[in-house]
């Protein structure tokens, strides 16, 4: 099963290169940034908000510069200011993501203005990582670093994150505003 999924992913990435020859049918996006928690968690000590940081790596296809779709892997870490009962003050997730990007305006202040959305699920891997579903959306500005080269992009977004706490009746429902800086290679 792992080989079938891996083979499908490789074909998904390499098919545009084989079909279009010199065209750039694939993209890579790398982003890192911070997250500011909006809601307080009643299941944590002192009703704390969780703040944190994230790192995402996405690979995908470019559909005529009108729509981008990709798959990726992320690392998100949320922190509370003090320990929350049986759990530490750190909540980490490792989500598998679907990445969607739609350019709105290609000549916006010498760059590209886009709408970005990510949806995914983080399985529980080991004792340090929690599981849960997530969805992020936002607006992104990409500034070209060179002609037909990579773009440096800045994204302002809103995210929803469910963190399933093992052996607890209450899960964490996290709402965040995030600001990320990244590199988009198309």
N, C-alpha and C. Protein backbone atom coordinates (compact mmCIF):
# COMPACT_ATOMS: atom_id res chain seq x y z
N UNK A 1 0.82 -1.19 0.00
CA UNK A 1 0.00 0.00 0.00
C UNK A 1 0.87 1.26 0.00
N UNK A 2 1.96 1.23 0.77
CA UNK A 2 2.85 2.38 0.82
C UNK A 2 3.48 2.64 -0.55
N UNK A 3 3.84 1.56 -1.25
CA UNK A 3 4.45 1.72 -2.57
C UNK A 3 3.46 2.31 -3.57
N UNK A 4 2.20 1.89 -3.48
CA UNK A 4 1.18 2.42 -4.39
C UNK A 4 0.98 3.91 -4.15
N UNK A 5 0.89 4.32 -2.89
CA UNK A 5 0.71 5.73 -2.57
C UNK A 5 1.92 6.55 -3.00
N UNK A 6 3.11 6.04 -2.73
CA UNK A 6 4.32 6.75 -3.12
C UNK A 6 4.43 6.86 -4.64
N UNK A 7 4.14 5.77 -5.36
CA UNK A 7 4.18 5.79 -6.83
C UNK A 7 3.16 6.76 -7.40
N UNK A 8 1.97 6.79 -6.84
CA UNK A 8 0.94 7.72 -7.30
C UNK A 8 1.38 9.16 -7.08
N UNK A 9 2.00 9.44 -5.96
CA UNK A 9 2.47 10.79 -5.66
C UNK A 9 3.56 11.21 -6.65
N UNK A 10 4.49 10.32 -6.97
CA UNK A 10 5.56 10.62 -7.92
C UNK A 10 4.98 10.86 -9.31
N UNK A 11 4.04 10.03 -9.75
CA UNK A 11 3.41 10.23 -11.06
C UNK A 11 2.66 11.55 -11.08
N UNK A 12 1.98 11.88 -9.98
CA UNK A 12 1.25 13.15 -9.86
C UNK A 12 2.18 14.34 -10.05
N UNK A 13 3.38 14.24 -9.51
CA UNK A 13 4.33 15.34 -9.61
C UNK A 13 5.04 15.39 -10.96
N UNK A 14 5.35 14.25 -11.54
CA UNK A 14 6.15 14.22 -12.76
C UNK A 14 5.34 14.26 -14.04
N UNK A 15 4.05 13.99 -14.00
CA UNK A 15 3.23 13.98 -15.20
C UNK A 15 3.24 15.30 -15.95
N UNK A 16 3.14 16.45 -15.30
CA UNK A 16 3.15 17.70 -16.06
C UNK A 16 4.48 17.95 -16.78
N UNK A 17 5.59 17.52 -16.20
CA UNK A 17 6.89 17.71 -16.84
C UNK A 17 6.96 16.88 -18.12
N UNK A 18 6.46 15.65 -18.07
CA UNK A 18 6.50 14.79 -19.25
C UNK A 18 5.53 15.28 -20.33
N UNK A 19 4.41 15.86 -19.93
CA UNK A 19 3.40 16.29 -20.90
C UNK A 19 3.73 17.62 -21.55
N UNK A 20 4.33 18.54 -20.84
CA UNK A 20 4.53 19.88 -21.35
C UNK A 20 5.98 20.20 -21.70
N UNK A 21 6.88 19.27 -21.52
CA UNK A 21 8.28 19.47 -21.91
C UNK A 21 8.94 20.60 -21.15
N UNK A 22 9.02 21.79 -21.77
CA UNK A 22 9.71 22.92 -21.16
C UNK A 22 8.84 23.66 -20.15
N UNK A 23 7.57 23.37 -20.08
CA UNK A 23 6.70 24.08 -19.15
C UNK A 23 6.97 23.68 -17.72
N UNK A 24 6.68 24.60 -16.83
CA UNK A 24 6.85 24.32 -15.41
C UNK A 24 5.50 23.94 -14.83
N UNK A 25 5.25 22.67 -14.77
CA UNK A 25 3.97 22.20 -14.29
C UNK A 25 3.95 21.86 -12.82
N UNK A 26 5.08 21.99 -12.14
CA UNK A 26 5.14 21.66 -10.72
C UNK A 26 5.59 22.87 -9.92
N UNK A 27 5.29 22.85 -8.65
CA UNK A 27 5.75 23.91 -7.76
C UNK A 27 6.17 23.31 -6.43
N UNK A 28 6.98 24.06 -5.73
CA UNK A 28 7.40 23.73 -4.37
C UNK A 28 7.19 24.98 -3.54
N UNK A 29 6.56 24.83 -2.39
CA UNK A 29 6.36 25.96 -1.48
C UNK A 29 6.88 25.56 -0.10
N UNK A 30 7.68 26.44 0.46
CA UNK A 30 8.21 26.26 1.82
C UNK A 30 7.84 27.50 2.59
N UNK A 31 7.21 27.33 3.76
CA UNK A 31 6.82 28.50 4.55
C UNK A 31 7.03 28.23 6.03
N UNK A 32 7.34 29.29 6.75
CA UNK A 32 7.51 29.22 8.20
C UNK A 32 6.97 30.51 8.79
N UNK A 33 6.41 30.41 9.99
CA UNK A 33 5.87 31.61 10.60
C UNK A 33 5.31 31.36 11.98
N UNK A 34 4.68 32.39 12.50
CA UNK A 34 4.13 32.34 13.84
C UNK A 34 2.61 32.34 13.84
N UNK A 35 2.04 31.85 14.95
CA UNK A 35 0.59 31.79 15.11
C UNK A 35 0.21 32.41 16.45
N UNK A 36 -0.82 33.21 16.42
CA UNK A 36 -1.34 33.87 17.61
C UNK A 36 -2.72 33.31 17.91
N UNK A 37 -2.88 32.69 19.09
CA UNK A 37 -4.15 32.09 19.46
C UNK A 37 -5.21 33.14 19.75
N UNK A 38 -6.42 32.92 19.22
CA UNK A 38 -7.51 33.88 19.41
C UNK A 38 -8.44 33.50 20.56
N UNK A 39 -8.65 32.21 20.75
CA UNK A 39 -9.59 31.78 21.79
C UNK A 39 -8.87 31.14 22.96
N UNK A 40 -9.47 31.28 24.11
CA UNK A 40 -8.91 30.67 25.32
C UNK A 40 -9.44 29.25 25.45
N UNK A 41 -8.58 28.36 25.93
CA UNK A 41 -8.93 26.95 26.06
C UNK A 41 -9.40 26.68 27.48
N UNK A 42 -10.68 26.36 27.63
CA UNK A 42 -11.23 26.12 28.96
C UNK A 42 -10.71 24.82 29.57
N UNK A 43 -10.25 23.88 28.75
CA UNK A 43 -9.74 22.62 29.29
C UNK A 43 -8.29 22.73 29.77
N UNK A 44 -7.66 23.88 29.56
CA UNK A 44 -6.31 24.11 30.07
C UNK A 44 -6.38 24.92 31.36
N UNK A 45 -5.31 24.89 32.12
CA UNK A 45 -5.26 25.66 33.37
C UNK A 45 -5.35 27.15 33.07
N UNK A 46 -6.13 27.87 33.83
CA UNK A 46 -6.28 29.33 33.74
C UNK A 46 -6.82 29.84 32.41
N UNK A 47 -7.57 29.01 31.68
CA UNK A 47 -8.16 29.44 30.39
C UNK A 47 -7.15 30.15 29.51
N UNK A 48 -6.10 29.47 29.12
CA UNK A 48 -5.01 30.07 28.36
C UNK A 48 -5.27 30.01 26.86
N UNK A 49 -4.69 30.94 26.14
CA UNK A 49 -4.65 30.89 24.68
C UNK A 49 -3.34 30.24 24.27
N UNK A 50 -3.37 29.49 23.19
CA UNK A 50 -2.17 28.81 22.70
C UNK A 50 -1.57 29.59 21.54
N UNK A 51 -0.30 29.92 21.64
CA UNK A 51 0.44 30.57 20.56
C UNK A 51 1.48 29.58 20.06
N UNK A 52 2.03 29.82 18.88
CA UNK A 52 3.01 28.87 18.40
C UNK A 52 3.66 29.26 17.10
N UNK A 53 4.24 28.26 16.46
CA UNK A 53 4.92 28.46 15.18
C UNK A 53 4.64 27.27 14.29
N UNK A 54 4.86 27.46 12.98
CA UNK A 54 4.61 26.38 12.04
C UNK A 54 5.62 26.41 10.90
N UNK A 55 5.78 25.24 10.28
CA UNK A 55 6.64 25.06 9.12
C UNK A 55 5.92 24.11 8.18
N UNK A 56 5.76 24.50 6.91
CA UNK A 56 5.08 23.66 5.92
C UNK A 56 5.95 23.51 4.68
N UNK A 57 5.91 22.32 4.10
CA UNK A 57 6.59 22.02 2.84
C UNK A 57 5.57 21.36 1.92
N UNK A 58 5.31 21.98 0.74
CA UNK A 58 4.30 21.48 -0.17
C UNK A 58 4.88 21.29 -1.58
N UNK A 59 4.43 20.22 -2.23
CA UNK A 59 4.77 19.95 -3.63
C UNK A 59 3.45 19.83 -4.39
N UNK A 60 3.40 20.38 -5.60
CA UNK A 60 2.14 20.28 -6.31
C UNK A 60 2.24 20.61 -7.78
N UNK A 61 1.06 20.70 -8.40
CA UNK A 61 0.94 20.97 -9.83
C UNK A 61 0.43 22.37 -10.08
N UNK A 62 0.91 22.94 -11.17
CA UNK A 62 0.50 24.25 -11.63
C UNK A 62 -0.44 24.03 -12.82
N UNK A 63 -1.66 24.51 -12.72
CA UNK A 63 -2.62 24.39 -13.80
C UNK A 63 -2.73 25.74 -14.51
N UNK A 64 -1.82 25.99 -15.48
CA UNK A 64 -1.81 27.19 -16.32
C UNK A 64 -1.76 28.49 -15.52
N UNK A 65 -1.08 28.52 -14.44
CA UNK A 65 -0.94 29.70 -13.58
C UNK A 65 -2.28 30.25 -13.10
N UNK A 66 -3.34 29.45 -13.16
CA UNK A 66 -4.66 29.88 -12.69
C UNK A 66 -5.06 29.19 -11.39
N UNK A 67 -4.49 28.03 -11.17
CA UNK A 67 -4.84 27.24 -9.99
C UNK A 67 -3.66 26.34 -9.66
N UNK A 68 -3.36 26.23 -8.39
CA UNK A 68 -2.28 25.37 -7.92
C UNK A 68 -2.86 24.40 -6.91
N UNK A 69 -2.50 23.13 -7.04
CA UNK A 69 -2.94 22.12 -6.08
C UNK A 69 -1.75 21.25 -5.72
N UNK A 70 -1.57 21.02 -4.43
CA UNK A 70 -0.44 20.21 -4.00
C UNK A 70 -0.70 19.48 -2.71
N UNK A 71 0.25 18.65 -2.36
CA UNK A 71 0.23 17.89 -1.11
C UNK A 71 1.48 18.23 -0.33
N UNK A 72 1.37 18.15 0.98
CA UNK A 72 2.54 18.52 1.76
C UNK A 72 2.53 17.96 3.16
N UNK A 73 3.54 18.36 3.88
CA UNK A 73 3.75 17.94 5.26
C UNK A 73 4.08 19.17 6.08
N UNK A 74 3.57 19.22 7.27
CA UNK A 74 3.81 20.38 8.12
C UNK A 74 4.25 19.98 9.52
N UNK A 75 4.67 20.97 10.26
CA UNK A 75 5.00 20.81 11.67
C UNK A 75 4.46 22.05 12.37
N UNK A 76 3.54 21.86 13.28
CA UNK A 76 2.96 22.98 14.01
C UNK A 76 3.10 22.71 15.51
N UNK A 77 3.52 23.73 16.22
CA UNK A 77 3.71 23.61 17.67
C UNK A 77 2.96 24.74 18.35
N UNK A 78 2.12 24.38 19.30
CA UNK A 78 1.37 25.35 20.09
C UNK A 78 1.90 25.29 21.52
N UNK A 79 1.99 26.45 22.16
CA UNK A 79 2.49 26.51 23.53
C UNK A 79 1.53 27.28 24.42
N UNK A 80 1.38 26.77 25.63
CA UNK A 80 0.63 27.46 26.67
C UNK A 80 1.63 28.08 27.63
N UNK A 81 1.20 29.10 28.36
CA UNK A 81 2.13 29.77 29.26
C UNK A 81 2.46 28.94 30.50
N UNK A 82 1.57 28.01 30.86
CA UNK A 82 1.86 27.12 31.98
C UNK A 82 1.31 25.74 31.70
N UNK A 83 1.75 24.75 32.46
CA UNK A 83 1.38 23.37 32.23
C UNK A 83 -0.11 23.15 32.43
N UNK A 84 -0.66 22.23 31.64
CA UNK A 84 -2.10 21.98 31.65
C UNK A 84 -2.40 20.60 32.21
N UNK A 85 -2.36 20.44 33.50
CA UNK A 85 -2.69 19.18 34.12
C UNK A 85 -1.73 18.07 33.73
N UNK A 86 -2.26 16.95 33.16
CA UNK A 86 -1.39 15.83 32.82
C UNK A 86 -0.52 16.08 31.59
N UNK A 87 -0.77 17.18 30.88
CA UNK A 87 -0.02 17.47 29.66
C UNK A 87 0.98 18.58 29.91
N UNK A 88 2.00 18.62 29.08
CA UNK A 88 2.97 19.70 29.18
C UNK A 88 2.37 20.96 28.57
N UNK A 89 3.13 22.00 28.52
CA UNK A 89 2.64 23.26 27.95
C UNK A 89 2.85 23.31 26.44
N UNK A 90 3.32 22.22 25.84
CA UNK A 90 3.62 22.16 24.40
C UNK A 90 2.74 21.13 23.73
N UNK A 91 2.09 21.54 22.63
CA UNK A 91 1.24 20.64 21.85
C UNK A 91 1.74 20.66 20.41
N UNK A 92 2.31 19.56 19.95
CA UNK A 92 2.85 19.49 18.60
C UNK A 92 2.01 18.59 17.72
N UNK A 93 1.90 18.96 16.45
CA UNK A 93 1.19 18.14 15.47
C UNK A 93 2.05 18.06 14.21
N UNK A 94 1.89 16.98 13.47
CA UNK A 94 2.60 16.76 12.21
C UNK A 94 1.55 16.46 11.14
N UNK A 95 0.94 17.50 10.54
CA UNK A 95 -0.18 17.26 9.61
C UNK A 95 0.26 16.94 8.18
N UNK A 96 -0.53 16.11 7.52
CA UNK A 96 -0.46 15.91 6.08
C UNK A 96 -1.46 16.88 5.48
N UNK A 97 -1.03 17.67 4.48
CA UNK A 97 -1.83 18.79 3.99
C UNK A 97 -2.19 18.67 2.53
N UNK A 98 -3.34 19.23 2.18
CA UNK A 98 -3.70 19.52 0.79
C UNK A 98 -3.61 21.03 0.65
N UNK A 99 -2.90 21.48 -0.37
CA UNK A 99 -2.60 22.90 -0.56
C UNK A 99 -3.31 23.41 -1.81
N UNK A 100 -4.05 24.52 -1.69
CA UNK A 100 -4.76 25.14 -2.80
C UNK A 100 -4.32 26.59 -2.90
N UNK A 101 -4.01 27.04 -4.10
CA UNK A 101 -3.61 28.43 -4.33
C UNK A 101 -4.26 28.93 -5.61
N UNK A 102 -4.87 30.12 -5.52
CA UNK A 102 -5.51 30.74 -6.69
C UNK A 102 -5.01 32.18 -6.78
N UNK A 103 -4.24 32.52 -7.83
CA UNK A 103 -3.80 33.91 -8.01
C UNK A 103 -4.98 34.82 -8.35
N UNK A 104 -5.07 35.95 -7.68
CA UNK A 104 -6.13 36.91 -7.95
C UNK A 104 -5.66 38.00 -8.89
N UNK A 105 -4.44 38.47 -8.70
CA UNK A 105 -3.92 39.58 -9.49
C UNK A 105 -2.42 39.38 -9.68
N UNK A 106 -1.95 39.30 -10.93
CA UNK A 106 -0.53 39.02 -11.20
C UNK A 106 0.36 40.25 -11.15
N UNK A 107 -0.17 41.44 -11.27
CA UNK A 107 0.66 42.65 -11.25
C UNK A 107 0.27 43.56 -10.10
N UNK A 108 0.06 43.00 -8.93
CA UNK A 108 -0.31 43.75 -7.74
C UNK A 108 0.96 44.21 -7.04
N UNK A 109 1.28 45.50 -7.11
CA UNK A 109 2.50 46.06 -6.51
C UNK A 109 3.75 45.26 -6.91
N UNK A 110 3.88 45.00 -8.19
CA UNK A 110 5.02 44.26 -8.78
C UNK A 110 5.07 42.80 -8.36
N UNK A 111 4.01 42.28 -7.80
CA UNK A 111 3.99 40.89 -7.36
C UNK A 111 2.66 40.24 -7.68
N UNK A 112 2.38 39.16 -7.00
CA UNK A 112 1.16 38.39 -7.21
C UNK A 112 0.37 38.31 -5.91
N UNK A 113 -0.90 38.65 -5.99
CA UNK A 113 -1.81 38.52 -4.86
C UNK A 113 -2.61 37.24 -5.05
N UNK A 114 -2.64 36.38 -4.04
CA UNK A 114 -3.28 35.06 -4.16
C UNK A 114 -4.12 34.75 -2.93
N UNK A 115 -5.06 33.84 -3.13
CA UNK A 115 -5.82 33.25 -2.04
C UNK A 115 -5.22 31.86 -1.80
N UNK A 116 -4.97 31.54 -0.53
CA UNK A 116 -4.33 30.29 -0.16
C UNK A 116 -5.23 29.55 0.83
N UNK A 117 -5.33 28.23 0.66
CA UNK A 117 -6.09 27.41 1.61
C UNK A 117 -5.36 26.08 1.80
N UNK A 118 -5.33 25.62 3.04
CA UNK A 118 -4.75 24.32 3.38
C UNK A 118 -5.75 23.56 4.24
N UNK A 119 -5.87 22.29 3.99
CA UNK A 119 -6.70 21.41 4.82
C UNK A 119 -5.90 20.14 5.05
N UNK A 120 -6.07 19.57 6.23
CA UNK A 120 -5.28 18.38 6.49
C UNK A 120 -5.67 17.66 7.76
N UNK A 121 -4.90 16.63 8.04
CA UNK A 121 -5.12 15.81 9.22
C UNK A 121 -3.76 15.40 9.77
N UNK A 122 -3.66 15.44 11.08
CA UNK A 122 -2.43 15.04 11.76
C UNK A 122 -2.70 13.76 12.55
N UNK A 123 -2.08 12.65 12.18
CA UNK A 123 -2.24 11.43 12.98
C UNK A 123 -1.39 11.51 14.24
N UNK A 124 -1.75 10.71 15.21
CA UNK A 124 -0.95 10.67 16.44
C UNK A 124 0.26 9.77 16.17
N UNK A 125 1.44 10.38 16.25
CA UNK A 125 2.69 9.66 16.02
C UNK A 125 3.53 9.82 17.28
N UNK A 126 3.64 8.77 18.05
CA UNK A 126 4.45 8.83 19.26
C UNK A 126 3.75 9.56 20.39
N UNK A 127 4.48 9.77 21.46
CA UNK A 127 3.91 10.39 22.65
C UNK A 127 3.93 11.91 22.61
N UNK A 128 4.76 12.47 21.77
CA UNK A 128 4.94 13.92 21.74
C UNK A 128 4.02 14.65 20.77
N UNK A 129 3.42 13.91 19.83
CA UNK A 129 2.60 14.54 18.80
C UNK A 129 1.14 14.16 18.98
N UNK A 130 0.26 15.13 18.80
CA UNK A 130 -1.17 14.93 18.97
C UNK A 130 -1.83 14.81 17.60
N UNK A 131 -3.08 14.33 17.59
CA UNK A 131 -3.79 14.18 16.33
C UNK A 131 -4.92 15.19 16.25
N UNK A 132 -5.42 15.38 15.02
CA UNK A 132 -6.54 16.28 14.82
C UNK A 132 -6.59 16.84 13.41
N UNK A 133 -7.74 17.37 13.06
CA UNK A 133 -7.95 17.97 11.74
C UNK A 133 -7.61 19.46 11.79
N UNK A 134 -7.30 20.02 10.61
CA UNK A 134 -6.98 21.44 10.56
C UNK A 134 -7.41 22.03 9.23
N UNK A 135 -7.63 23.33 9.24
CA UNK A 135 -7.94 24.09 8.03
C UNK A 135 -7.37 25.49 8.20
N UNK A 136 -6.66 25.96 7.18
CA UNK A 136 -6.07 27.30 7.18
C UNK A 136 -6.47 27.98 5.89
N UNK A 137 -6.72 29.26 5.96
CA UNK A 137 -7.01 30.04 4.77
C UNK A 137 -6.44 31.43 4.93
N UNK A 138 -6.15 32.08 3.82
CA UNK A 138 -5.60 33.42 3.93
C UNK A 138 -5.31 34.04 2.59
N UNK A 139 -4.67 35.18 2.67
CA UNK A 139 -4.28 35.93 1.49
C UNK A 139 -2.76 36.04 1.47
N UNK A 140 -2.19 35.90 0.28
CA UNK A 140 -0.74 35.84 0.15
C UNK A 140 -0.27 36.83 -0.90
N UNK A 141 0.87 37.44 -0.62
CA UNK A 141 1.52 38.34 -1.58
C UNK A 141 2.87 37.75 -1.93
N UNK A 142 3.10 37.49 -3.20
CA UNK A 142 4.37 36.93 -3.65
C UNK A 142 5.15 37.94 -4.46
N UNK A 143 6.38 38.19 -4.07
CA UNK A 143 7.25 39.12 -4.77
C UNK A 143 8.32 38.33 -5.52
N UNK A 144 8.43 38.50 -6.84
CA UNK A 144 9.41 37.71 -7.60
C UNK A 144 10.85 38.12 -7.27
N UNK A 145 11.68 37.14 -7.00
CA UNK A 145 13.09 37.41 -6.70
C UNK A 145 13.91 37.57 -7.97
N UNK A 146 13.47 36.96 -9.06
CA UNK A 146 14.11 37.13 -10.37
C UNK A 146 13.08 36.79 -11.44
N UNK A 147 13.40 37.13 -12.68
CA UNK A 147 12.49 36.83 -13.79
C UNK A 147 12.38 35.32 -13.96
N UNK A 148 11.16 34.79 -13.95
CA UNK A 148 10.89 33.35 -14.04
C UNK A 148 11.59 32.56 -12.93
N UNK A 149 11.84 33.20 -11.82
CA UNK A 149 12.49 32.53 -10.70
C UNK A 149 11.53 32.36 -9.54
N UNK A 150 12.05 32.07 -8.38
CA UNK A 150 11.20 31.87 -7.21
C UNK A 150 10.59 33.17 -6.71
N UNK A 151 9.49 33.04 -5.99
CA UNK A 151 8.83 34.18 -5.36
C UNK A 151 9.01 34.09 -3.85
N UNK A 152 9.25 35.21 -3.24
CA UNK A 152 9.24 35.32 -1.79
C UNK A 152 7.82 35.74 -1.42
N UNK A 153 7.13 34.95 -0.59
CA UNK A 153 5.75 35.29 -0.30
C UNK A 153 5.50 35.47 1.19
N UNK A 154 4.55 36.33 1.46
CA UNK A 154 4.11 36.65 2.81
C UNK A 154 2.62 36.34 2.87
N UNK A 155 2.21 35.56 3.86
CA UNK A 155 0.82 35.13 3.96
C UNK A 155 0.25 35.52 5.31
N UNK A 156 -0.91 36.14 5.28
CA UNK A 156 -1.69 36.44 6.48
C UNK A 156 -2.90 35.54 6.44
N UNK A 157 -3.09 34.73 7.48
CA UNK A 157 -4.16 33.73 7.43
C UNK A 157 -4.87 33.52 8.74
N UNK A 158 -5.96 32.79 8.64
CA UNK A 158 -6.78 32.39 9.78
C UNK A 158 -6.83 30.87 9.76
N UNK A 159 -6.73 30.25 10.92
CA UNK A 159 -6.73 28.80 10.97
C UNK A 159 -7.58 28.23 12.08
N UNK A 160 -8.12 27.06 11.81
CA UNK A 160 -8.84 26.27 12.80
C UNK A 160 -8.08 24.97 13.00
N UNK A 161 -7.89 24.58 14.24
CA UNK A 161 -7.12 23.38 14.55
C UNK A 161 -7.82 22.62 15.67
N UNK A 162 -8.03 21.34 15.46
CA UNK A 162 -8.54 20.47 16.50
C UNK A 162 -7.36 19.66 17.02
N UNK A 163 -7.18 19.68 18.33
CA UNK A 163 -6.14 18.87 18.96
C UNK A 163 -6.84 17.88 19.88
N UNK A 164 -6.75 16.59 19.53
CA UNK A 164 -7.41 15.54 20.31
C UNK A 164 -6.47 15.14 21.44
N UNK A 165 -6.94 15.35 22.66
CA UNK A 165 -6.16 14.98 23.83
C UNK A 165 -6.48 13.54 24.21
N UNK A 166 -5.48 12.67 24.32
CA UNK A 166 -5.75 11.28 24.67
C UNK A 166 -6.26 11.16 26.11
N UNK A 167 -7.22 10.28 26.29
CA UNK A 167 -7.78 9.98 27.60
C UNK A 167 -8.46 11.18 28.25
N UNK A 168 -8.92 12.12 27.44
CA UNK A 168 -9.63 13.29 27.95
C UNK A 168 -10.95 13.42 27.22
N UNK A 169 -11.95 13.93 27.90
CA UNK A 169 -13.26 14.10 27.26
C UNK A 169 -13.31 15.38 26.42
N UNK A 170 -12.50 16.37 26.76
CA UNK A 170 -12.50 17.63 26.02
C UNK A 170 -11.31 17.71 25.08
N UNK A 171 -11.58 18.05 23.83
CA UNK A 171 -10.51 18.32 22.87
C UNK A 171 -10.27 19.81 22.79
N UNK A 172 -9.13 20.19 22.28
CA UNK A 172 -8.84 21.61 22.09
C UNK A 172 -9.30 22.04 20.71
N UNK A 173 -10.03 23.12 20.64
CA UNK A 173 -10.46 23.71 19.37
C UNK A 173 -9.75 25.05 19.26
N UNK A 174 -8.67 25.08 18.51
CA UNK A 174 -7.80 26.25 18.45
C UNK A 174 -8.12 27.11 17.23
N UNK A 175 -8.23 28.42 17.44
CA UNK A 175 -8.39 29.39 16.36
C UNK A 175 -7.18 30.31 16.40
N UNK A 176 -6.55 30.51 15.24
CA UNK A 176 -5.32 31.30 15.21
C UNK A 176 -5.31 32.27 14.03
N UNK A 177 -4.54 33.31 14.21
CA UNK A 177 -4.14 34.18 13.11
C UNK A 177 -2.66 33.92 12.90
N UNK A 178 -2.27 33.71 11.66
CA UNK A 178 -0.87 33.38 11.40
C UNK A 178 -0.27 34.34 10.38
N UNK A 179 1.02 34.55 10.52
CA UNK A 179 1.80 35.34 9.58
C UNK A 179 3.01 34.50 9.20
N UNK A 180 3.12 34.15 7.91
CA UNK A 180 4.20 33.29 7.47
C UNK A 180 4.99 33.93 6.34
N UNK A 181 6.23 33.55 6.25
CA UNK A 181 7.13 33.98 5.19
C UNK A 181 7.61 32.72 4.49
N UNK A 182 7.63 32.74 3.16
CA UNK A 182 7.99 31.53 2.46
C UNK A 182 8.63 31.76 1.11
N UNK A 183 8.96 30.66 0.47
CA UNK A 183 9.56 30.66 -0.85
C UNK A 183 8.70 29.77 -1.74
N UNK A 184 8.30 30.32 -2.89
CA UNK A 184 7.44 29.61 -3.84
C UNK A 184 8.24 29.43 -5.13
N UNK A 185 8.58 28.19 -5.45
CA UNK A 185 9.37 27.88 -6.64
C UNK A 185 8.45 27.25 -7.67
N UNK A 186 8.27 27.94 -8.79
CA UNK A 186 7.34 27.49 -9.82
C UNK A 186 8.08 27.29 -11.12
